[in-house]
Amino acid sequence: QVQLVESGGGLVQAGGSLRLSCVASEIMFSLYAMGWYRQAPGKQRDLVARISASGSTNYADSVKGRFTISRDNAKSTVYLQMNSLNPDDPAVYYCRGERGFVDSWGQGTQVTVSS
């Protein structure tokens, strides 16, 4: 398994921005598909954004145009830039790394949006 450590969560006003980071303990990081998921209280964990090993991205409809996923393979890090945060965005955000049979999750980072 790959160890994933998220950071960057916190409290932000509606309309504000945050950037989440996820560092992987994996020297073959560039071969992994990486994703950000979120889970609000009482709800299921849903995909927010995903980036393949080749750099292709896909987003949940609710965040298109506001969130951007990117990766820095030299730093074994995936980012989630979140702009125009709104009251639908608060959740615990989790990082996920996938390659073949390897499927690893981070511990999550809390994002809170104040109105």
C-alpha atoms as a PDB file:
ATOM      1  CA  GLN A   1       0.000   0.000   0.000  1.00  0.00           C
ATOM      2  CA  VAL A   2       0.966   3.590  -0.553  1.00  0.00           C
ATOM      3  CA  GLN A   3       0.895   6.051   2.318  1.00  0.00           C
ATOM      4  CA  LEU A   4      -0.953   9.243   1.436  1.00  0.00           C
ATOM      5  CA  VAL A   5      -0.935  12.346   3.618  1.00  0.00           C
ATOM      6  CA  GLU A   6      -3.339  15.192   2.902  1.00  0.00           C
ATOM      7  CA  SER A   7      -3.003  18.773   4.056  1.00  0.00           C
ATOM      8  CA  GLY A   8      -4.444  22.182   3.293  1.00  0.00           C
ATOM      9  CA  GLY A   9      -7.942  21.873   4.662  1.00  0.00           C
ATOM     10  CA  GLY A  10      -9.457  24.462   6.943  1.00  0.00           C
ATOM     11  CA  LEU A  11     -12.104  27.116   7.343  1.00  0.00           C
ATOM     12  CA  VAL A  12     -12.781  29.524   4.506  1.00  0.00           C
ATOM     13  CA  GLN A  13     -15.514  32.013   3.728  1.00  0.00           C
ATOM     14  CA  ALA A  14     -17.960  31.314   0.944  1.00  0.00           C
ATOM     15  CA  GLY A  15     -16.421  32.437  -2.320  1.00  0.00           C
ATOM     16  CA  GLY A  16     -12.923  31.813  -1.033  1.00  0.00           C
ATOM     17  CA  SER A  17     -10.231  29.384  -2.087  1.00  0.00           C
ATOM     18  CA  LEU A  18      -8.176  26.557  -0.643  1.00  0.00           C
ATOM     19  CA  ARG A  19      -5.497  24.320  -2.064  1.00  0.00           C
ATOM     20  CA  LEU A  20      -5.285  20.755  -0.846  1.00  0.00           C
ATOM     21  CA  SER A  21      -2.107  18.719  -1.143  1.00  0.00           C
ATOM     22  CA  CYS A  22      -1.539  14.989  -0.943  1.00  0.00           C
ATOM     23  CA  VAL A  23       1.976  13.597  -0.646  1.00  0.00           C
ATOM     24  CA  ALA A  24       2.575   9.950  -1.513  1.00  0.00           C
ATOM     25  CA  SER A  25       5.281   7.707  -0.103  1.00  0.00           C
ATOM     26  CA  GLU A  26       5.818   6.020  -3.432  1.00  0.00           C
ATOM     27  CA  ILE A  27       8.781   6.432  -5.753  1.00  0.00           C
ATOM     28  CA  MET A  28       6.676   5.141  -8.659  1.00  0.00           C
ATOM     29  CA  PHE A  29       4.115   7.893  -8.023  1.00  0.00           C
ATOM     30  CA  SER A  30       4.035   8.876 -11.691  1.00  0.00           C
ATOM     31  CA  LEU A  31       2.450   5.509 -12.561  1.00  0.00           C
ATOM     32  CA  TYR A  32      -0.513   6.026 -10.241  1.00  0.00           C
ATOM     33  CA  ALA A  33      -3.908   7.476 -10.998  1.00  0.00           C
ATOM     34  CA  MET A  34      -4.707   9.946  -8.227  1.00  0.00           C
ATOM     35  CA  GLY A  35      -8.029  11.247  -7.090  1.00  0.00           C
ATOM     36  CA  TRP A  36      -9.758  13.497  -4.616  1.00  0.00           C
ATOM     37  CA  TYR A  37     -12.991  12.366  -3.016  1.00  0.00           C
ATOM     38  CA  ARG A  38     -15.183  13.977  -0.403  1.00  0.00           C
ATOM     39  CA  GLN A  39     -17.631  12.809   2.203  1.00  0.00           C
ATOM     40  CA  ALA A  40     -20.074  15.021   4.054  1.00  0.00           C
ATOM     41  CA  PRO A  41     -21.778  13.824   7.259  1.00  0.00           C
ATOM     42  CA  GLY A  42     -24.451  11.248   6.517  1.00  0.00           C
ATOM     43  CA  LYS A  43     -23.530  11.041   2.846  1.00  0.00           C
ATOM     44  CA  GLN A  44     -21.521   8.649   0.726  1.00  0.00           C
ATOM     45  CA  ARG A  45     -17.983   9.340  -0.397  1.00  0.00           C
ATOM     46  CA  ASP A  46     -18.033  10.808  -3.892  1.00  0.00           C
ATOM     47  CA  LEU A  47     -15.441  11.517  -6.536  1.00  0.00           C
ATOM     48  CA  VAL A  48     -14.451  15.173  -6.820  1.00  0.00           C
ATOM     49  CA  ALA A  49     -11.627  14.981  -9.359  1.00  0.00           C
ATOM     50  CA  ARG A  50      -9.241  12.438 -10.765  1.00  0.00           C
ATOM     51  CA  ILE A  51      -6.016  12.624 -12.746  1.00  0.00           C
ATOM     52  CA  SER A  52      -4.573   9.667 -14.584  1.00  0.00           C
ATOM     53  CA  ALA A  53      -0.931   8.740 -14.805  1.00  0.00           C
ATOM     54  CA  SER A  54      -0.881  10.348 -18.258  1.00  0.00           C
ATOM     55  CA  GLY A  55      -2.426  13.566 -16.928  1.00  0.00           C
ATOM     56  CA  SER A  56      -6.002  13.179 -18.149  1.00  0.00           C
ATOM     57  CA  THR A  57      -8.492  14.699 -15.752  1.00  0.00           C
ATOM     58  CA  ASN A  58     -12.153  14.325 -14.944  1.00  0.00           C
ATOM     59  CA  TYR A  59     -14.365  16.195 -12.504  1.00  0.00           C
ATOM     60  CA  ALA A  60     -17.685  15.906 -10.777  1.00  0.00           C
ATOM     61  CA  ASP A  61     -20.215  18.175 -12.455  1.00  0.00           C
ATOM     62  CA  SER A  62     -20.660  20.132  -9.236  1.00  0.00           C
ATOM     63  CA  VAL A  63     -17.034  21.326  -9.223  1.00  0.00           C
ATOM     64  CA  LYS A  64     -16.309  21.811 -12.926  1.00  0.00           C
ATOM     65  CA  GLY A  65     -14.947  25.266 -13.566  1.00  0.00           C
ATOM     66  CA  ARG A  66     -14.184  25.831  -9.886  1.00  0.00           C
ATOM     67  CA  PHE A  67     -11.750  23.054  -8.888  1.00  0.00           C
ATOM     68  CA  THR A  68      -8.542  22.009 -10.603  1.00  0.00           C
ATOM     69  CA  ILE A  69      -6.589  18.829  -9.976  1.00  0.00           C
ATOM     70  CA  SER A  70      -2.904  18.695 -10.820  1.00  0.00           C
ATOM     71  CA  ARG A  71       0.125  16.615 -10.030  1.00  0.00           C
ATOM     72  CA  ASP A  72       3.844  17.120  -9.547  1.00  0.00           C
ATOM     73  CA  ASN A  73       5.504  13.770 -10.092  1.00  0.00           C
ATOM     74  CA  ALA A  74       8.890  15.057  -8.965  1.00  0.00           C
ATOM     75  CA  LYS A  75       7.356  15.801  -5.549  1.00  0.00           C
ATOM     76  CA  SER A  76       5.040  12.762  -5.497  1.00  0.00           C
ATOM     77  CA  THR A  77       2.219  15.197  -4.806  1.00  0.00           C
ATOM     78  CA  VAL A  78      -1.272  15.755  -6.132  1.00  0.00           C
ATOM     79  CA  TYR A  79      -3.098  19.034  -5.594  1.00  0.00           C
ATOM     80  CA  LEU A  80      -6.671  20.198  -5.597  1.00  0.00           C
ATOM     81  CA  GLN A  81      -7.135  23.914  -6.141  1.00  0.00           C
ATOM     82  CA  MET A  82     -10.609  24.861  -4.963  1.00  0.00           C
ATOM     83  CA  ASN A  83     -12.033  28.239  -5.918  1.00  0.00           C
ATOM     84  CA  SER A  84     -15.437  29.822  -5.374  1.00  0.00           C
ATOM     85  CA  LEU A  85     -16.166  27.530  -2.446  1.00  0.00           C
ATOM     86  CA  ASN A  86     -19.827  27.357  -1.540  1.00  0.00           C
ATOM     87  CA  PRO A  87     -21.998  25.814   1.194  1.00  0.00           C
ATOM     88  CA  ASP A  88     -22.251  22.554  -0.807  1.00  0.00           C
ATOM     89  CA  ASP A  89     -18.497  21.951  -0.609  1.00  0.00           C
ATOM     90  CA  PRO A  90     -17.846  21.310   3.118  1.00  0.00           C
ATOM     91  CA  ALA A  91     -16.734  17.735   3.718  1.00  0.00           C
ATOM     92  CA  VAL A  92     -13.778  15.604   4.606  1.00  0.00           C
ATOM     93  CA  TYR A  93     -11.630  15.434   1.502  1.00  0.00           C
ATOM     94  CA  TYR A  94      -9.707  12.235   0.854  1.00  0.00           C
ATOM     95  CA  CYS A  95      -6.834  11.490  -1.473  1.00  0.00           C
ATOM     96  CA  ARG A  96      -6.766   8.160  -3.326  1.00  0.00           C
ATOM     97  CA  GLY A  97      -3.997   6.454  -5.249  1.00  0.00           C
ATOM     98  CA  GLU A  98      -4.643   3.588  -7.663  1.00  0.00           C
ATOM     99  CA  ARG A  99      -2.406   1.324  -9.696  1.00  0.00           C
ATOM    100  CA  GLY A 100      -3.381  -2.193 -10.604  1.00  0.00           C
ATOM    101  CA  PHE A 101      -4.365  -3.975  -7.393  1.00  0.00           C
ATOM    102  CA  VAL A 102      -3.078  -1.137  -5.207  1.00  0.00           C
ATOM    103  CA  ASP A 103      -5.826   1.128  -3.906  1.00  0.00           C
ATOM    104  CA  SER A 104      -4.774   3.443  -1.084  1.00  0.00           C
ATOM    105  CA  TRP A 105      -6.523   6.235   0.787  1.00  0.00           C
ATOM    106  CA  GLY A 106      -5.307   9.060   2.948  1.00  0.00           C
ATOM    107  CA  GLN A 107      -6.718   9.972   6.320  1.00  0.00           C
ATOM    108  CA  GLY A 108      -8.665  12.959   5.031  1.00  0.00           C
ATOM    109  CA  THR A 109      -8.627  16.685   5.612  1.00  0.00           C
ATOM    110  CA  GLN A 110     -11.610  18.748   6.716  1.00  0.00           C
ATOM    111  CA  VAL A 111     -12.895  21.618   4.601  1.00  0.00           C
ATOM    112  CA  THR A 112     -15.385  23.990   6.185  1.00  0.00           C
ATOM    113  CA  VAL A 113     -17.097  26.885   4.436  1.00  0.00           C
ATOM    114  CA  SER A 114     -18.667  29.739   6.379  1.00  0.00           C
ATOM    115  CA  SER A 115     -21.470  31.763   4.843  1.00  0.00           C
END
